[in-house]
Structures are given as structure tokens and as C-alpha cells.
Amino acid sequence: MTAEPPAANDDAILMKLAELRQQHKDLDDSVSALLARPVPDQLQIARLKRQKLALRDAITALEDRLTPDIIA
């Protein structure tokens, strides 16, 4: 069985986090652009906001994997 060393796994998680954060920022920019229109497409905005929330949940889950469980 070949398990990845913890440091390599952390690097992969950090790379994925950076990618998800960029996607979240891109969605935020898209929502802002849609809201700036004279007649914003509310359905499209709602879809993008749901995607942002899903990305935020994924980001939080990955951040939790990086934080060690310490029982005090």
C-alpha cells in the first residue's frame, strides 16, 4: 500500500484550496457584474450565489482537513 506522505497531501490540499478560492472570487465578480446591470437577471444571480455557497462549503471542508484535531 502506497500512502502519500502528509506533506505531499497538504500541498495537494493547498493547491485545491487556491483553485477553489479563485473560482469563488470569479463567481463573486460575476455576481457583482450582473447586479450592476440596469435589469439584473435574478435567476442567474441566484444560481451563481448557490455555486458560491457550495464552493465556500468545499473550502471550509478542506481547511478543516489541514487543521489538526486537538482535544483540549
PDB file of N, CA and C in Angstrom:
ATOM      1  N   MET A   1       0.843  -1.174   0.000  1.00  0.00           N
ATOM      2  CA  MET A   1       0.000   0.000   0.000  1.00  0.00           C
ATOM      3  C   MET A   1       0.893   1.243   0.000  1.00  0.00           C
ATOM      4  N   THR A   2       0.655   2.158  -0.899  1.00  0.00           N
ATOM      5  CA  THR A   2       1.483   3.358  -1.005  1.00  0.00           C
ATOM      6  C   THR A   2       0.654   4.577  -0.641  1.00  0.00           C
ATOM      7  N   ALA A   3       0.828   5.031   0.576  1.00  0.00           N
ATOM      8  CA  ALA A   3       0.122   6.232   1.023  1.00  0.00           C
ATOM      9  C   ALA A   3       1.019   7.435   0.779  1.00  0.00           C
ATOM     10  N   GLU A   4       0.381   8.543   0.439  1.00  0.00           N
ATOM     11  CA  GLU A   4       1.141   9.774   0.227  1.00  0.00           C
ATOM     12  C   GLU A   4       1.655  10.286   1.567  1.00  0.00           C
ATOM     13  N   PRO A   5       2.850  10.840   1.597  1.00  0.00           N
ATOM     14  CA  PRO A   5       3.314  11.456   2.837  1.00  0.00           C
ATOM     15  C   PRO A   5       2.420  12.643   3.192  1.00  0.00           C
ATOM     16  N   PRO A   6       2.250  12.923   4.488  1.00  0.00           N
ATOM     17  CA  PRO A   6       1.362  14.023   4.895  1.00  0.00           C
ATOM     18  C   PRO A   6       1.702  15.356   4.243  1.00  0.00           C
ATOM     19  N   ALA A   7       2.973  15.660   4.073  1.00  0.00           N
ATOM     20  CA  ALA A   7       3.358  16.948   3.478  1.00  0.00           C
ATOM     21  C   ALA A   7       2.888  17.048   2.035  1.00  0.00           C
ATOM     22  N   ALA A   8       2.998  15.959   1.285  1.00  0.00           N
ATOM     23  CA  ALA A   8       2.545  15.972  -0.109  1.00  0.00           C
ATOM     24  C   ALA A   8       1.034  16.129  -0.168  1.00  0.00           C
ATOM     25  N   ASN A   9       0.337  15.477   0.763  1.00  0.00           N
ATOM     26  CA  ASN A   9      -1.116  15.585   0.817  1.00  0.00           C
ATOM     27  C   ASN A   9      -1.523  17.020   1.155  1.00  0.00           C
ATOM     28  N   ASP A  10      -0.807  17.644   2.095  1.00  0.00           N
ATOM     29  CA  ASP A  10      -1.095  19.037   2.450  1.00  0.00           C
ATOM     30  C   ASP A  10      -0.864  19.964   1.262  1.00  0.00           C
ATOM     31  N   ASP A  11       0.183  19.703   0.495  1.00  0.00           N
ATOM     32  CA  ASP A  11       0.451  20.520  -0.691  1.00  0.00           C
ATOM     33  C   ASP A  11      -0.688  20.409  -1.696  1.00  0.00           C
ATOM     34  N   ALA A  12      -1.202  19.199  -1.876  1.00  0.00           N
ATOM     35  CA  ALA A  12      -2.318  18.993  -2.802  1.00  0.00           C
ATOM     36  C   ALA A  12      -3.560  19.725  -2.311  1.00  0.00           C
ATOM     37  N   ILE A  13      -3.794  19.676  -1.008  1.00  0.00           N
ATOM     38  CA  ILE A  13      -4.951  20.368  -0.433  1.00  0.00           C
ATOM     39  C   ILE A  13      -4.795  21.878  -0.602  1.00  0.00           C
ATOM     40  N   LEU A  14      -3.593  22.390  -0.369  1.00  0.00           N
ATOM     41  CA  LEU A  14      -3.357  23.827  -0.521  1.00  0.00           C
ATOM     42  C   LEU A  14      -3.562  24.278  -1.965  1.00  0.00           C
ATOM     43  N   MET A  15      -3.132  23.454  -2.911  1.00  0.00           N
ATOM     44  CA  MET A  15      -3.337  23.790  -4.327  1.00  0.00           C
ATOM     45  C   MET A  15      -4.825  23.801  -4.659  1.00  0.00           C
ATOM     46  N   LYS A  16      -5.561  22.820  -4.153  1.00  0.00           N
ATOM     47  CA  LYS A  16      -7.003  22.756  -4.396  1.00  0.00           C
ATOM     48  C   LYS A  16      -7.696  23.948  -3.739  1.00  0.00           C
ATOM     49  N   LEU A  17      -7.253  24.315  -2.534  1.00  0.00           N
ATOM     50  CA  LEU A  17      -7.822  25.481  -1.855  1.00  0.00           C
ATOM     51  C   LEU A  17      -7.634  26.749  -2.679  1.00  0.00           C
ATOM     52  N   ALA A  18      -6.443  26.930  -3.220  1.00  0.00           N
ATOM     53  CA  ALA A  18      -6.174  28.115  -4.040  1.00  0.00           C
ATOM     54  C   ALA A  18      -7.087  28.137  -5.263  1.00  0.00           C
ATOM     55  N   GLU A  19      -7.278  26.973  -5.868  1.00  0.00           N
ATOM     56  CA  GLU A  19      -8.148  26.880  -7.046  1.00  0.00           C
ATOM     57  C   GLU A  19      -9.595  27.218  -6.679  1.00  0.00           C
ATOM     58  N   LEU A  20     -10.086  26.662  -5.573  1.00  0.00           N
ATOM     59  CA  LEU A  20     -11.464  26.922  -5.154  1.00  0.00           C
ATOM     60  C   LEU A  20     -11.665  28.382  -4.762  1.00  0.00           C
ATOM     61  N   ARG A  21     -10.676  28.961  -4.106  1.00  0.00           N
ATOM     62  CA  ARG A  21     -10.782  30.381  -3.732  1.00  0.00           C
ATOM     63  C   ARG A  21     -10.835  31.272  -4.969  1.00  0.00           C
ATOM     64  N   GLN A  22     -10.069  30.920  -5.990  1.00  0.00           N
ATOM     65  CA  GLN A  22     -10.097  31.695  -7.233  1.00  0.00           C
ATOM     66  C   GLN A  22     -11.465  31.578  -7.907  1.00  0.00           C
ATOM     67  N   GLN A  23     -12.013  30.365  -7.927  1.00  0.00           N
ATOM     68  CA  GLN A  23     -13.345  30.171  -8.504  1.00  0.00           C
ATOM     69  C   GLN A  23     -14.381  30.975  -7.724  1.00  0.00           C
ATOM     70  N   HIS A  24     -14.258  30.998  -6.396  1.00  0.00           N
ATOM     71  CA  HIS A  24     -15.190  31.749  -5.556  1.00  0.00           C
ATOM     72  C   HIS A  24     -15.103  33.239  -5.878  1.00  0.00           C
ATOM     73  N   LYS A  25     -13.883  33.738  -6.042  1.00  0.00           N
ATOM     74  CA  LYS A  25     -13.690  35.152  -6.381  1.00  0.00           C
ATOM     75  C   LYS A  25     -14.272  35.460  -7.757  1.00  0.00           C
ATOM     76  N   ASP A  26     -14.059  34.562  -8.717  1.00  0.00           N
ATOM     77  CA  ASP A  26     -14.603  34.755 -10.060  1.00  0.00           C
ATOM     78  C   ASP A  26     -16.131  34.814 -10.029  1.00  0.00           C
ATOM     79  N   LEU A  27     -16.742  33.927  -9.241  1.00  0.00           N
ATOM     80  CA  LEU A  27     -18.200  33.951  -9.119  1.00  0.00           C
ATOM     81  C   LEU A  27     -18.664  35.246  -8.463  1.00  0.00           C
ATOM     82  N   ASP A  28     -17.930  35.710  -7.470  1.00  0.00           N
ATOM     83  CA  ASP A  28     -18.277  36.962  -6.803  1.00  0.00           C
ATOM     84  C   ASP A  28     -18.223  38.124  -7.791  1.00  0.00           C
ATOM     85  N   ASP A  29     -17.197  38.128  -8.628  1.00  0.00           N
ATOM     86  CA  ASP A  29     -17.085  39.169  -9.660  1.00  0.00           C
ATOM     87  C   ASP A  29     -18.247  39.086 -10.652  1.00  0.00           C
ATOM     88  N   SER A  30     -18.639  37.871 -11.008  1.00  0.00           N
ATOM     89  CA  SER A  30     -19.755  37.685 -11.940  1.00  0.00           C
ATOM     90  C   SER A  30     -21.059  38.188 -11.339  1.00  0.00           C
ATOM     91  N   VAL A  31     -21.277  37.883 -10.059  1.00  0.00           N
ATOM     92  CA  VAL A  31     -22.490  38.351  -9.385  1.00  0.00           C
ATOM     93  C   VAL A  31     -22.497  39.876  -9.345  1.00  0.00           C
ATOM     94  N   SER A  32     -21.369  40.473  -9.024  1.00  0.00           N
ATOM     95  CA  SER A  32     -21.286  41.938  -8.975  1.00  0.00           C
ATOM     96  C   SER A  32     -21.583  42.555 -10.339  1.00  0.00           C
ATOM     97  N   ALA A  33     -21.063  41.939 -11.389  1.00  0.00           N
ATOM     98  CA  ALA A  33     -21.307  42.447 -12.742  1.00  0.00           C
ATOM     99  C   ALA A  33     -22.785  42.337 -13.109  1.00  0.00           C
ATOM    100  N   LEU A  34     -23.406  41.231 -12.738  1.00  0.00           N
ATOM    101  CA  LEU A  34     -24.829  41.063 -13.042  1.00  0.00           C
ATOM    102  C   LEU A  34     -25.678  42.062 -12.259  1.00  0.00           C
ATOM    103  N   LEU A  35     -25.296  42.324 -11.023  1.00  0.00           N
ATOM    104  CA  LEU A  35     -26.056  43.277 -10.209  1.00  0.00           C
ATOM    105  C   LEU A  35     -25.914  44.705 -10.724  1.00  0.00           C
ATOM    106  N   ALA A  36     -24.838  44.992 -11.434  1.00  0.00           N
ATOM    107  CA  ALA A  36     -24.606  46.339 -11.956  1.00  0.00           C
ATOM    108  C   ALA A  36     -25.436  46.631 -13.203  1.00  0.00           C
ATOM    109  N   ARG A  37     -26.007  45.609 -13.796  1.00  0.00           N
ATOM    110  CA  ARG A  37     -26.827  45.817 -14.999  1.00  0.00           C
ATOM    111  C   ARG A  37     -28.109  46.566 -14.650  1.00  0.00           C
ATOM    112  N   PRO A  38     -28.665  47.277 -15.631  1.00  0.00           N
ATOM    113  CA  PRO A  38     -29.924  48.001 -15.387  1.00  0.00           C
ATOM    114  C   PRO A  38     -31.062  47.063 -14.975  1.00  0.00           C
ATOM    115  N   VAL A  39     -31.132  45.888 -15.614  1.00  0.00           N
ATOM    116  CA  VAL A  39     -32.149  44.894 -15.259  1.00  0.00           C
ATOM    117  C   VAL A  39     -31.417  43.578 -14.968  1.00  0.00           C
ATOM    118  N   PRO A  40     -31.046  43.354 -13.703  1.00  0.00           N
ATOM    119  CA  PRO A  40     -30.277  42.148 -13.383  1.00  0.00           C
ATOM    120  C   PRO A  40     -31.113  40.879 -13.545  1.00  0.00           C
ATOM    121  N   ASP A  41     -30.475  39.819 -13.988  1.00  0.00           N
ATOM    122  CA  ASP A  41     -31.114  38.513 -14.144  1.00  0.00           C
ATOM    123  C   ASP A  41     -31.087  37.814 -12.786  1.00  0.00           C
ATOM    124  N   GLN A  42     -32.194  37.913 -12.061  1.00  0.00           N
ATOM    125  CA  GLN A  42     -32.252  37.395 -10.695  1.00  0.00           C
ATOM    126  C   GLN A  42     -32.055  35.879 -10.630  1.00  0.00           C
ATOM    127  N   LEU A  43     -32.538  35.157 -11.632  1.00  0.00           N
ATOM    128  CA  LEU A  43     -32.380  33.707 -11.651  1.00  0.00           C
ATOM    129  C   LEU A  43     -30.904  33.332 -11.792  1.00  0.00           C
ATOM    130  N   GLN A  44     -30.209  34.002 -12.690  1.00  0.00           N
ATOM    131  CA  GLN A  44     -28.778  33.743 -12.881  1.00  0.00           C
ATOM    132  C   GLN A  44     -27.989  34.116 -11.622  1.00  0.00           C
ATOM    133  N   ILE A  45     -28.358  35.222 -11.005  1.00  0.00           N
ATOM    134  CA  ILE A  45     -27.685  35.646  -9.776  1.00  0.00           C
ATOM    135  C   ILE A  45     -27.883  34.602  -8.678  1.00  0.00           C
ATOM    136  N   ALA A  46     -29.099  34.094  -8.547  1.00  0.00           N
ATOM    137  CA  ALA A  46     -29.379  33.074  -7.533  1.00  0.00           C
ATOM    138  C   ALA A  46     -28.561  31.812  -7.788  1.00  0.00           C
ATOM    139  N   ARG A  47     -28.434  31.414  -9.051  1.00  0.00           N
ATOM    140  CA  ARG A  47     -27.629  30.232  -9.391  1.00  0.00           C
ATOM    141  C   ARG A  47     -26.169  30.436  -9.012  1.00  0.00           C
ATOM    142  N   LEU A  48     -25.632  31.600  -9.346  1.00  0.00           N
ATOM    143  CA  LEU A  48     -24.236  31.886  -9.029  1.00  0.00           C
ATOM    144  C   LEU A  48     -24.007  31.929  -7.520  1.00  0.00           C
ATOM    145  N   LYS A  49     -24.962  32.479  -6.785  1.00  0.00           N
ATOM    146  CA  LYS A  49     -24.822  32.540  -5.331  1.00  0.00           C
ATOM    147  C   LYS A  49     -24.853  31.139  -4.718  1.00  0.00           C
ATOM    148  N   ARG A  50     -25.677  30.246  -5.272  1.00  0.00           N
ATOM    149  CA  ARG A  50     -25.692  28.855  -4.791  1.00  0.00           C
ATOM    150  C   ARG A  50     -24.356  28.182  -5.063  1.00  0.00           C
ATOM    151  N   GLN A  51     -23.780  28.453  -6.230  1.00  0.00           N
ATOM    152  CA  GLN A  51     -22.465  27.893  -6.552  1.00  0.00           C
ATOM    153  C   GLN A  51     -21.408  28.431  -5.587  1.00  0.00           C
ATOM    154  N   LYS A  52     -21.505  29.721  -5.269  1.00  0.00           N
ATOM    155  CA  LYS A  52     -20.559  30.318  -4.321  1.00  0.00           C
ATOM    156  C   LYS A  52     -20.661  29.645  -2.956  1.00  0.00           C
ATOM    157  N   LEU A  53     -21.892  29.376  -2.509  1.00  0.00           N
ATOM    158  CA  LEU A  53     -22.077  28.716  -1.217  1.00  0.00           C
ATOM    159  C   LEU A  53     -21.500  27.307  -1.230  1.00  0.00           C
ATOM    160  N   ALA A  54     -21.692  26.584  -2.326  1.00  0.00           N
ATOM    161  CA  ALA A  54     -21.136  25.235  -2.438  1.00  0.00           C
ATOM    162  C   ALA A  54     -19.610  25.286  -2.405  1.00  0.00           C
ATOM    163  N   LEU A  55     -19.033  26.267  -3.091  1.00  0.00           N
ATOM    164  CA  LEU A  55     -17.577  26.432  -3.063  1.00  0.00           C
ATOM    165  C   LEU A  55     -17.098  26.784  -1.658  1.00  0.00           C
ATOM    166  N   ARG A  56     -17.830  27.649  -0.975  1.00  0.00           N
ATOM    167  CA  ARG A  56     -17.452  28.036   0.387  1.00  0.00           C
ATOM    168  C   ARG A  56     -17.462  26.802   1.296  1.00  0.00           C
ATOM    169  N   ASP A  57     -18.467  25.927   1.142  1.00  0.00           N
ATOM    170  CA  ASP A  57     -18.519  24.697   1.936  1.00  0.00           C
ATOM    171  C   ASP A  57     -17.324  23.800   1.634  1.00  0.00           C
ATOM    172  N   ALA A  58     -16.958  23.680   0.363  1.00  0.00           N
ATOM    173  CA  ALA A  58     -15.811  22.853  -0.025  1.00  0.00           C
ATOM    174  C   ALA A  58     -14.516  23.439   0.531  1.00  0.00           C
ATOM    175  N   ILE A  59     -14.396  24.757   0.489  1.00  0.00           N
ATOM    176  CA  ILE A  59     -13.206  25.427   1.026  1.00  0.00           C
ATOM    177  C   ILE A  59     -13.100  25.172   2.531  1.00  0.00           C
ATOM    178  N   THR A  60     -14.209  25.309   3.234  1.00  0.00           N
ATOM    179  CA  THR A  60     -14.216  25.082   4.680  1.00  0.00           C
ATOM    180  C   THR A  60     -13.837  23.646   5.016  1.00  0.00           C
ATOM    181  N   ALA A  61     -14.348  22.694   4.248  1.00  0.00           N
ATOM    182  CA  ALA A  61     -14.026  21.285   4.488  1.00  0.00           C
ATOM    183  C   ALA A  61     -12.532  21.024   4.297  1.00  0.00           C
ATOM    184  N   LEU A  62     -11.948  21.606   3.255  1.00  0.00           N
ATOM    185  CA  LEU A  62     -10.514  21.419   3.022  1.00  0.00           C
ATOM    186  C   LEU A  62      -9.680  22.103   4.105  1.00  0.00           C
ATOM    187  N   GLU A  63     -10.109  23.281   4.533  1.00  0.00           N
ATOM    188  CA  GLU A  63      -9.387  23.972   5.602  1.00  0.00           C
ATOM    189  C   GLU A  63      -9.423  23.156   6.891  1.00  0.00           C
ATOM    190  N   ASP A  64     -10.553  22.502   7.151  1.00  0.00           N
ATOM    191  CA  ASP A  64     -10.668  21.656   8.336  1.00  0.00           C
ATOM    192  C   ASP A  64      -9.726  20.460   8.260  1.00  0.00           C
ATOM    193  N   ARG A  65      -9.506  19.944   7.055  1.00  0.00           N
ATOM    194  CA  ARG A  65      -8.575  18.820   6.895  1.00  0.00           C
ATOM    195  C   ARG A  65      -7.138  19.239   7.181  1.00  0.00           C
ATOM    196  N   LEU A  66      -6.820  20.500   6.955  1.00  0.00           N
ATOM    197  CA  LEU A  66      -5.465  20.991   7.215  1.00  0.00           C
ATOM    198  C   LEU A  66      -5.219  21.269   8.697  1.00  0.00           C
ATOM    199  N   THR A  67      -6.293  21.538   9.432  1.00  0.00           N
ATOM    200  CA  THR A  67      -6.170  21.862  10.847  1.00  0.00           C
ATOM    201  C   THR A  67      -6.192  20.572  11.658  1.00  0.00           C
ATOM    202  N   PRO A  68      -5.155  20.312  12.445  1.00  0.00           N
ATOM    203  CA  PRO A  68      -5.134  19.073  13.227  1.00  0.00           C
ATOM    204  C   PRO A  68      -6.194  19.091  14.324  1.00  0.00           C
ATOM    205  N   ASP A  69      -6.737  17.906  14.614  1.00  0.00           N
ATOM    206  CA  ASP A  69      -7.711  17.774  15.694  1.00  0.00           C
ATOM    207  C   ASP A  69      -6.956  17.712  17.017  1.00  0.00           C
ATOM    208  N   ILE A  70      -7.159  18.714  17.834  1.00  0.00           N
ATOM    209  CA  ILE A  70      -6.509  18.751  19.138  1.00  0.00           C
ATOM    210  C   ILE A  70      -7.606  18.755  20.194  1.00  0.00           C
ATOM    211  N   ILE A  71      -7.608  17.718  20.997  1.00  0.00           N
ATOM    212  CA  ILE A  71      -8.599  17.633  22.063  1.00  0.00           C
ATOM    213  C   ILE A  71      -7.999  18.278  23.300  1.00  0.00           C
ATOM    214  N   ALA A  72      -8.662  19.336  23.765  1.00  0.00           N
ATOM    215  CA  ALA A  72      -8.132  20.068  24.921  1.00  0.00           C
ATOM    216  C   ALA A  72      -8.723  19.541  26.204  1.00  0.00           C
TER     217      ALA A  72
END
